[in-house]
Protein backbone atom coordinates (compact mmCIF):
# COMPACT_ATOMS: atom_id res chain seq x y z
CA MET A 1 0.00 0.00 0.00
CA ARG A 2 1.32 3.44 -0.91
CA THR A 3 2.12 5.84 1.94
CA ARG A 4 0.87 9.30 1.18
CA ILE A 5 3.12 12.13 2.35
CA PRO A 6 1.11 14.99 3.86
CA TYR A 7 1.15 18.21 1.88
CA SER A 8 2.34 20.18 4.91
CA LEU A 9 5.42 17.93 5.21
CA LEU A 10 6.15 18.31 1.50
CA LEU A 11 5.96 22.08 1.93
CA VAL A 12 8.41 22.02 4.85
CA LEU A 13 10.83 19.84 2.87
CA PHE A 14 10.58 22.18 -0.09
CA VAL A 15 11.36 25.22 2.07
CA LEU A 16 14.32 23.50 3.70
CA LEU A 17 15.75 22.37 0.38
CA SER A 18 15.22 25.80 -1.13
CA SER A 19 16.92 27.48 1.85
CA THR A 20 19.86 25.08 1.60
CA PHE A 21 20.20 25.83 -2.12
CA VAL A 22 20.10 29.60 -1.53
CA LEU A 23 22.69 29.42 1.26
CA SER A 24 24.94 27.31 -0.95
CA GLN A 25 24.88 30.06 -3.57
CA ILE A 26 25.92 32.81 -1.12
CA GLN A 27 29.63 33.47 -1.40
CA LEU A 28 30.83 34.42 2.05
CA PRO A 29 33.98 36.57 2.06
CA ALA A 30 37.24 34.74 2.69
CA SER A 31 40.67 35.91 3.75
CA ASP A 32 43.47 36.18 1.23
CA PRO A 33 45.95 33.28 1.72
CA GLN A 34 48.90 35.61 1.02
CA ALA A 35 47.71 38.03 3.70
CA LEU A 36 47.26 35.22 6.23
CA ALA A 37 50.72 33.89 5.43
CA LEU A 38 52.27 37.33 6.02
CA ALA A 39 50.35 37.76 9.26
CA THR A 40 51.53 34.33 10.45
CA ARG A 41 55.14 35.18 9.61
CA ALA A 42 54.77 38.49 11.47
CA ILE A 43 53.50 36.64 14.55
CA SER A 44 56.51 34.34 14.34
CA ALA A 45 58.84 37.35 14.10
CA LEU A 46 57.17 38.88 17.17
CA THR A 47 56.84 35.86 19.44
CA ARG A 48 59.41 33.33 18.17
CA GLY A 49 56.91 30.64 19.06
CA VAL A 50 56.47 31.79 22.66
CA SER A 51 52.88 31.53 23.88
CA VAL A 52 51.72 34.91 25.23
CA ASN A 53 48.57 35.06 27.36
CA ASP A 54 48.90 38.58 28.71
CA VAL A 55 51.24 41.55 28.73
CA THR A 56 51.87 44.56 30.97
CA LEU A 57 53.82 47.56 29.67
CA THR A 58 54.90 50.23 32.17
CA GLY A 59 56.56 53.53 31.34
CA SER A 60 56.27 57.28 30.96
CA ALA A 61 53.60 59.06 28.97
CA ILE A 62 52.99 62.37 27.23
CA TRP A 63 49.31 63.22 26.67
CA ILE A 64 48.44 65.94 24.17
CA ALA A 65 44.93 67.33 23.66
CA GLY A 66 44.85 70.49 21.58
CA SER A 67 47.12 73.03 23.26
CA ASP A 68 47.25 71.00 26.50
CA LYS A 69 50.31 68.83 27.07
CA GLU A 70 50.61 66.67 30.16
CA THR A 71 53.23 64.23 31.36
CA GLY A 72 52.98 61.28 33.68
CA SER A 73 53.09 57.49 33.83
CA ALA A 74 51.36 54.78 31.83
CA VAL A 75 50.44 51.15 32.44
CA LEU A 76 49.13 49.28 29.39
CA MET A 77 47.69 45.80 29.95
CA ALA A 78 46.23 43.29 27.52
CA LYS A 79 44.93 39.78 28.06
CA GLY A 80 44.34 37.53 25.10
CA ARG A 81 42.88 39.13 22.02
CA GLY A 82 39.82 40.65 23.68
CA GLU A 83 40.71 42.50 26.88
CA SER A 84 42.79 45.61 27.49
CA ARG A 85 43.26 48.36 30.04
CA ILE A 86 45.23 51.61 29.88
CA ASP A 87 45.94 53.51 33.10
CA LEU A 88 47.38 57.00 32.70
CA THR A 89 48.42 59.09 35.68
CA LEU A 90 48.85 62.62 34.35
CA THR A 91 49.37 66.13 35.64
CA SER A 92 45.64 66.84 35.80
CA GLY A 93 44.63 63.45 37.18
CA ALA A 94 44.13 59.80 36.31
CA ARG A 95 42.42 58.30 33.27
CA THR A 96 41.53 54.65 32.65
CA ASP A 97 40.33 53.12 29.37
CA VAL A 98 39.01 49.55 29.44
CA ARG A 99 38.01 47.26 26.57
CA SER A 100 36.36 43.87 26.82
CA ASP A 101 35.24 41.75 23.88
CA ILE A 102 34.48 38.57 25.84
CA ALA A 103 32.10 39.44 28.68
CA SER A 104 29.14 40.38 26.50
CA VAL A 105 27.54 39.51 23.17
CA PHE A 106 29.05 42.65 21.64
CA PRO A 107 32.42 44.30 22.32
CA GLU A 108 32.45 47.01 24.98
CA GLY A 109 34.58 49.93 26.07
CA ALA A 110 34.51 52.49 28.87
CA SER A 111 36.57 55.33 30.33
CA SER A 112 36.83 56.68 33.85
CA PHE A 113 38.54 59.72 35.33
CA ASP A 114 40.13 60.09 38.78
CA GLY A 115 38.45 56.94 40.03
CA GLY A 116 34.96 58.06 39.06
CA GLY A 117 32.29 55.95 37.41
CA GLN A 118 32.83 54.43 34.01
CA GLN A 119 31.53 56.24 30.95
CA PRO A 120 30.59 53.65 28.28
CA TRP A 121 31.75 53.95 24.69
CA SER A 122 29.42 53.75 21.73
CA LEU A 123 29.33 50.28 20.18
CA HIS A 124 30.61 51.58 16.85
CA ASN A 125 33.89 52.52 18.58
CA CYS A 126 34.44 49.01 19.96
CA TRP A 127 34.90 46.88 16.84
CA THR A 128 38.64 47.47 16.31
CA SER A 129 41.30 45.55 18.25
CA ALA A 130 41.20 46.02 22.01
CA SER A 131 44.97 45.50 22.29
CA TRP A 132 46.17 47.95 19.63
CA PHE A 133 49.33 48.75 21.63
CA PHE A 134 50.60 45.14 21.56
CA PRO A 135 50.68 44.16 17.87
CA ALA A 136 50.98 40.40 18.40
CA PHE A 137 47.41 40.14 19.68
CA PRO A 138 45.67 41.90 16.74
CA LEU A 139 47.69 39.77 14.32
CA LEU A 140 46.71 36.62 16.19
CA GLY A 141 43.08 37.71 15.94
CA ALA A 142 43.42 38.16 12.21
CA THR A 143 44.74 34.63 11.75
CA PHE A 144 42.51 32.73 14.20
CA ASP A 145 39.17 34.57 14.11
CA PRO A 146 37.14 33.44 11.06
CA SER A 147 34.97 36.57 11.26
CA ILE A 148 38.01 38.77 10.47
CA ILE A 149 38.60 38.99 6.72
CA VAL A 150 42.19 39.81 5.80
CA SER A 151 43.53 40.93 2.42
CA TYR A 152 46.95 41.83 1.08
CA VAL A 153 47.17 45.36 -0.32
CA GLY A 154 50.79 45.30 -1.46
CA GLN A 155 54.29 46.54 -0.80
CA GLU A 156 54.52 50.27 -0.06
CA THR A 157 56.83 52.88 1.40
CA ARG A 158 55.74 54.37 4.70
CA GLY A 159 57.84 56.92 6.54
CA GLY A 160 60.82 56.00 4.39
CA THR A 161 60.48 52.30 5.23
CA SER A 162 59.42 49.55 2.84
CA VAL A 163 56.34 47.87 4.31
CA GLN A 164 53.87 45.10 3.54
CA HIS A 165 50.32 46.46 3.82
CA LEU A 166 47.55 44.24 5.23
CA HIS A 167 43.90 45.26 5.41
CA TRP A 168 41.12 43.64 7.40
CA TYR A 169 37.60 44.02 8.70
CA ARG A 170 35.05 42.06 10.68
CA TYR A 171 32.23 40.28 8.85
CA LEU A 172 29.07 39.51 10.84
CA SER A 173 27.22 36.72 9.09
CA GLY A 174 23.48 36.30 9.46
CA GLN A 175 22.85 40.00 10.10
CA GLN A 176 20.90 42.60 8.17
CA PRO A 177 22.92 44.03 5.23
CA SER A 178 22.99 47.48 6.87
CA VAL A 179 24.50 46.00 10.06
CA VAL A 180 27.05 43.99 8.06
CA ALA A 181 28.10 47.09 6.11
CA LEU A 182 28.38 49.31 9.20
CA THR A 183 30.37 46.76 11.17
CA GLN A 184 32.70 46.21 8.24
CA ARG A 185 33.37 49.93 7.96
CA VAL A 186 33.92 50.70 11.65
CA SER A 187 36.11 47.62 12.21
CA THR A 188 38.43 48.24 9.26
CA THR A 189 42.10 48.17 10.26
CA ASP A 190 45.29 48.49 8.23
CA PHE A 191 48.56 46.92 9.38
CA TYR A 192 52.00 47.84 8.03
CA LEU A 193 54.83 45.33 8.44
CA ASP A 194 58.49 46.11 7.90
CA SER A 195 59.32 44.31 4.64
CA ALA A 196 62.65 43.03 5.99
CA SER A 197 61.86 42.01 9.58
CA LEU A 198 58.04 41.74 9.28
CA LEU A 199 57.79 43.53 12.63
CA PRO A 200 54.78 45.90 12.63
CA VAL A 201 55.70 49.57 12.22
CA ALA A 202 52.15 50.97 12.28
CA LEU A 203 48.45 50.24 12.27
CA THR A 204 45.57 52.55 11.43
CA PHE A 205 41.84 52.56 12.06
CA ASN A 206 39.04 55.07 12.52
CA THR A 207 37.25 56.22 15.63
CA HIS A 208 34.02 58.22 15.56
CA PRO A 209 32.00 60.68 17.64
CA ASP A 210 29.77 58.87 20.12
CA ASP A 211 26.63 59.97 18.30
CA ASP A 212 27.88 59.72 14.72
CA ALA A 213 29.25 56.46 13.28
CA ASN A 214 29.51 58.05 9.82
CA THR A 215 32.20 60.59 10.71
CA ASP A 216 35.66 59.03 10.56
CA ILE A 217 38.54 60.23 12.74
CA LEU A 218 41.81 58.60 11.72
CA ILE A 219 43.86 56.90 14.43
CA GLU A 220 47.44 55.87 13.68
CA ILE A 221 49.57 53.78 16.03
CA LYS A 222 53.33 53.78 15.49
CA PHE A 223 55.66 51.09 16.88
CA SER A 224 59.43 51.39 17.24
CA ASN A 225 62.42 50.48 19.45
CA TYR A 226 61.61 46.77 19.57
CA GLN A 227 63.35 44.89 22.37
CA PRO A 228 63.28 41.16 23.19
CA ILE A 229 61.61 40.20 26.48
CA ASN A 230 61.74 36.47 27.21
CA GLY A 231 62.09 35.89 23.49
CA VAL A 232 59.17 38.12 22.49
CA GLN A 233 59.78 41.31 20.49
CA ILE A 234 57.99 44.22 22.19
CA PRO A 235 57.84 47.83 20.94
CA PHE A 236 59.28 50.06 23.68
CA HIS A 237 58.08 53.23 21.92
CA ILE A 238 54.38 53.54 21.10
CA GLN A 239 52.78 56.65 19.63
CA LYS A 240 49.10 57.33 19.03
CA LEU A 241 48.18 59.99 16.49
CA ILE A 242 44.70 61.41 15.97
CA SER A 243 44.05 62.99 12.56
CA GLY A 244 47.82 63.20 12.06
CA GLY A 245 48.59 64.94 15.36
CA LEU A 246 50.43 63.26 18.22
CA ALA A 247 48.00 62.50 21.07
CA LEU A 248 49.84 59.94 23.22
CA ASP A 249 53.53 59.11 23.41
CA VAL A 250 54.53 56.16 25.59
CA ALA A 251 58.14 55.25 26.36
CA VAL A 252 58.08 51.75 27.83
CA ALA A 253 60.51 51.11 30.68
CA ARG A 254 59.42 47.60 31.72
CA ALA A 255 57.48 44.78 30.11
CA ALA A 256 56.05 41.69 31.78
CA LEU A 257 54.56 38.66 30.04
CA ASN A 258 52.22 35.95 31.30
CA SER A 259 51.71 37.40 34.76
CA SER A 260 48.17 35.94 35.04
CA LEU A 261 46.28 39.23 34.94
CA PRO A 262 42.84 38.76 36.54
CA ASP A 263 39.72 39.32 34.43
CA GLY A 264 38.49 41.78 37.05
CA LEU A 265 40.98 44.35 35.79
CA PHE A 266 39.01 44.52 32.54
CA ALA A 267 35.49 44.56 33.98
CA ILE A 268 32.98 47.02 32.58
CA ALA A 269 30.09 48.10 34.79
CA HIS A 270 26.54 47.71 33.49
C-alpha cells in the first residue's frame, strides 16, 4: 500500500531544500591566503613561538589634547585578544580606558577619570582591536578569528620604510545588510609590516563621535624600538596619532609577560 506524504510535510521539505540551495549560492567573504601567510610570519617574528597570554607595559607618557600637554606614567595591559586596560596618571589626574570583547555579546569599552564611574563607549567605537598597543594580539586575531577577513594590499613605502600592507575588517554573518556594512566599515584596520623584519611599524583605524558612526577620525599607532623580552619582540616606543597629530607618546621602561592578569581588571560596569 502506498504511503501518502502529507502536503504540509512536503511544503516544509521544499522550504528546507530551497533554503539550503540559496545558502549554498551565497559566497561568504574569505581571507586572502597571502595576507594570512604574512600575518603568520609576522606573529613568528614577534613571538618566536612563545605563547603569550597577557602583557603589561609600564613607562612614561605624554598626553596631548589640543594646546594641553601633560606628562605622567602609563600602564598598558592586555589579556588575550579581547581585553585591554590603559591607566594614565597625568598632571591633571588619572584616566583609565578599558576594553572587553568577551564578557558580552558585543564588544564594549569604557573610560573613567580620577576613580569616578565608568563612561561607556558607543558600540561603533568598539569593533577594532582592544589590544592595539601590543601588535601580536591583533595579528593573532586576524589569523585565528574566522569573522576577520584579511587581504593583502601590497608593498609600499611608509615613513621612508618599505612595508607590507595588510587590510582587514570584521564580517558579521546572518545580520541585516545594513548591520554587516556598518560593522565592516567601523572595524576596518590596516597593518603595516616592515618588509625586511616583518615587525609591525604601524596600524591605522578610525574612531568616531559617540553619536555619529559616519564621521571618521583617523587613528594611527606607530611602533618602534623593539626589544626582546623572554624571546618576544615588544615595541618600547608607542605613539598614538589622531588625525595626524600626536595625542599619546609612551616610552616603555618595563614589560612583563604571562603574569596571570585577573579578568576583574578589565570589567565594565553595566
